[in-house]
Protein backbone atom coordinates (compact mmCIF):
# COMPACT_ATOMS: atom_id res chain seq x y z
CA MET A 1 9.53 22.65 -49.00
CA SER A 2 7.78 20.71 -46.67
CA ASN A 3 8.94 17.35 -45.54
CA VAL A 4 5.31 16.34 -45.27
CA SER A 5 4.45 13.29 -47.79
CA PHE A 6 1.59 13.79 -50.25
CA ALA A 7 -0.28 11.17 -48.61
CA THR A 8 -0.59 12.48 -44.77
CA LYS A 9 -1.59 15.90 -46.90
CA LYS A 10 -4.33 13.71 -48.70
CA ARG A 11 -5.54 12.38 -44.93
CA ALA A 12 -5.38 15.56 -43.10
CA LEU A 13 -7.64 17.35 -45.70
CA ASP A 14 -9.99 13.99 -45.81
CA ALA A 15 -10.12 14.30 -42.34
CA LEU A 16 -11.48 17.88 -42.03
CA PHE A 17 -13.73 17.07 -45.51
CA LEU A 18 -15.54 14.52 -42.40
CA LEU A 19 -15.50 17.47 -40.00
CA TYR A 20 -17.69 19.53 -42.25
CA TRP A 21 -19.76 16.83 -43.87
CA PRO A 22 -23.60 17.59 -43.93
CA GLY A 23 -25.02 15.42 -41.36
CA MET A 24 -21.33 14.43 -39.34
CA GLY A 25 -20.92 18.01 -37.70
CA TRP A 26 -18.29 18.40 -35.93
CA TYR A 27 -20.30 19.65 -32.89
CA GLU A 28 -22.12 16.56 -33.00
CA GLU A 29 -19.08 14.32 -33.15
CA LEU A 30 -17.09 16.19 -30.27
CA GLN A 31 -20.15 16.01 -27.95
CA GLN A 32 -20.32 11.84 -28.45
CA VAL A 33 -16.82 11.95 -28.28
CA LEU A 34 -17.17 14.12 -24.40
CA LYS A 35 -19.99 12.06 -23.49
CA THR A 36 -18.22 8.37 -24.22
CA ALA A 37 -15.28 9.91 -22.02
CA GLY A 38 -17.18 10.75 -19.28
CA VAL A 39 -19.01 7.61 -19.00
CA GLN A 40 -15.83 5.84 -19.09
CA LEU A 41 -14.27 7.94 -16.40
CA THR A 42 -17.27 7.88 -14.01
CA ALA A 43 -17.64 3.65 -14.80
CA HIS A 44 -17.94 2.11 -11.39
CA GLY A 45 -15.38 0.79 -9.54
CA ALA A 46 -12.96 2.65 -12.52
CA ALA A 47 -10.41 4.35 -10.20
CA THR A 48 -9.60 4.71 -6.33
CA PRO A 49 -10.90 7.76 -4.89
CA THR A 50 -7.98 10.19 -3.72
CA ARG A 51 -10.26 11.30 -0.59
CA PRO A 52 -12.98 9.20 0.94
CA ASP A 53 -16.51 10.36 1.48
CA THR A 54 -16.66 12.45 4.74
CA LYS A 55 -20.40 11.39 5.36
CA GLU A 56 -21.07 10.32 9.03
CA LEU A 57 -18.87 7.18 10.19
CA GLN A 58 -19.83 3.87 11.35
CA PHE A 59 -17.76 1.05 13.27
CA THR A 60 -18.21 -2.77 12.73
CA SER A 61 -18.39 -5.17 16.13
CA HIS A 62 -14.84 -6.39 14.22
CA PHE A 63 -13.45 -2.70 14.27
CA GLN A 64 -14.14 -2.46 18.04
CA GLU A 65 -12.60 -5.83 18.97
CA THR A 66 -9.46 -5.14 17.01
CA ALA A 67 -9.59 -1.41 18.55
CA GLN A 68 -9.62 -2.65 22.19
CA LYS A 69 -7.00 -5.13 21.78
CA ARG A 70 -4.54 -2.92 20.17
CA GLY A 71 -5.24 0.20 22.63
CA LEU A 72 -6.82 2.31 19.70
CA THR A 73 -10.02 4.19 19.76
CA GLU A 74 -12.80 5.15 17.62
CA ALA A 75 -10.80 9.06 17.67
CA ASP A 76 -7.68 7.41 16.18
CA ALA A 77 -9.63 5.69 13.01
CA LYS A 78 -12.01 9.11 12.16
CA ASP A 79 -8.23 10.89 12.52
CA VAL A 80 -6.80 8.44 10.11
CA TYR A 81 -10.17 8.93 8.16
CA TYR A 82 -10.67 12.62 7.95
CA HIS A 83 -6.59 13.48 7.85
CA GLY A 84 -4.95 10.04 6.46
CA SER A 85 -4.11 9.17 2.93
CA VAL A 86 -5.67 6.66 0.69
CA VAL A 87 -2.82 3.87 0.74
CA LYS A 88 -5.34 1.04 -1.64
CA ARG A 89 -8.66 0.83 -2.30
CA ASN A 90 -10.56 0.75 1.29
CA MET A 91 -7.03 1.42 3.00
CA MET A 92 -5.91 4.79 4.51
CA VAL A 93 -2.95 5.30 6.67
CA LYS A 94 -1.68 8.46 8.68
CA LYS A 95 1.80 8.93 9.42
CA TYR A 96 2.40 10.03 12.85
CA ASN A 97 5.79 11.12 14.72
CA GLY A 98 7.21 7.67 14.92
CA TYR A 99 4.50 5.30 14.24
CA GLU A 100 1.53 4.77 11.83
CA ILE A 101 -2.11 4.46 12.03
CA GLY A 102 -3.95 2.45 9.43
CA ILE A 103 -7.91 1.51 8.92
CA TYR A 104 -9.83 -0.55 6.16
CA TYR A 105 -13.13 0.95 5.42
CA PHE A 106 -16.28 0.87 2.82
CA VAL A 107 -19.13 2.47 2.00
CA ALA A 108 -22.33 0.85 2.64
CA SER A 109 -24.23 0.59 -0.54
CA GLU A 110 -27.54 0.57 0.87
CA THR A 111 -26.95 3.79 3.13
CA GLY A 112 -23.77 5.34 1.22
CA LYS A 113 -21.99 5.63 4.86
CA PRO A 114 -18.58 4.86 5.48
CA ILE A 115 -17.82 1.91 7.61
CA ILE A 116 -14.82 1.17 9.66
CA THR A 117 -14.02 -2.21 9.74
CA SER A 118 -10.42 -2.88 11.48
CA VAL A 119 -7.42 -0.27 12.57
CA TRP A 120 -4.38 -0.93 13.20
CA LYS A 121 -0.75 0.61 15.15
CA ARG A 122 3.00 0.31 13.93
CA GLY A 123 6.02 1.60 13.29
CA ARG A 124 7.11 3.75 10.97
CA ARG A 125 9.12 1.86 7.49
């Protein structure tokens, strides 16, 4: 004997019946579900990307000031951008032997290019 109740079997049969009901094709229903899921997954700001875009980098004047004060260069920031890891949205860090360098960046909505706004260096935790 099966441990599945009659009500559970009835619900399963009702679900199968609805899938094959004329005008309620399972294929169309599946397409609609996948389309909705795709929209939800690709919604603006829905998820933090694991890797940044690799288009040409730009630097703000604030970046230039902070980099000069901290003894860092654009090359340091580029290395973090291309080889570091995303820690938070718009923030990346690359760990070196004994220290780490981090950057803040954003992608300009007009050009689609990444812009690095700040950089820092600190001892590893």
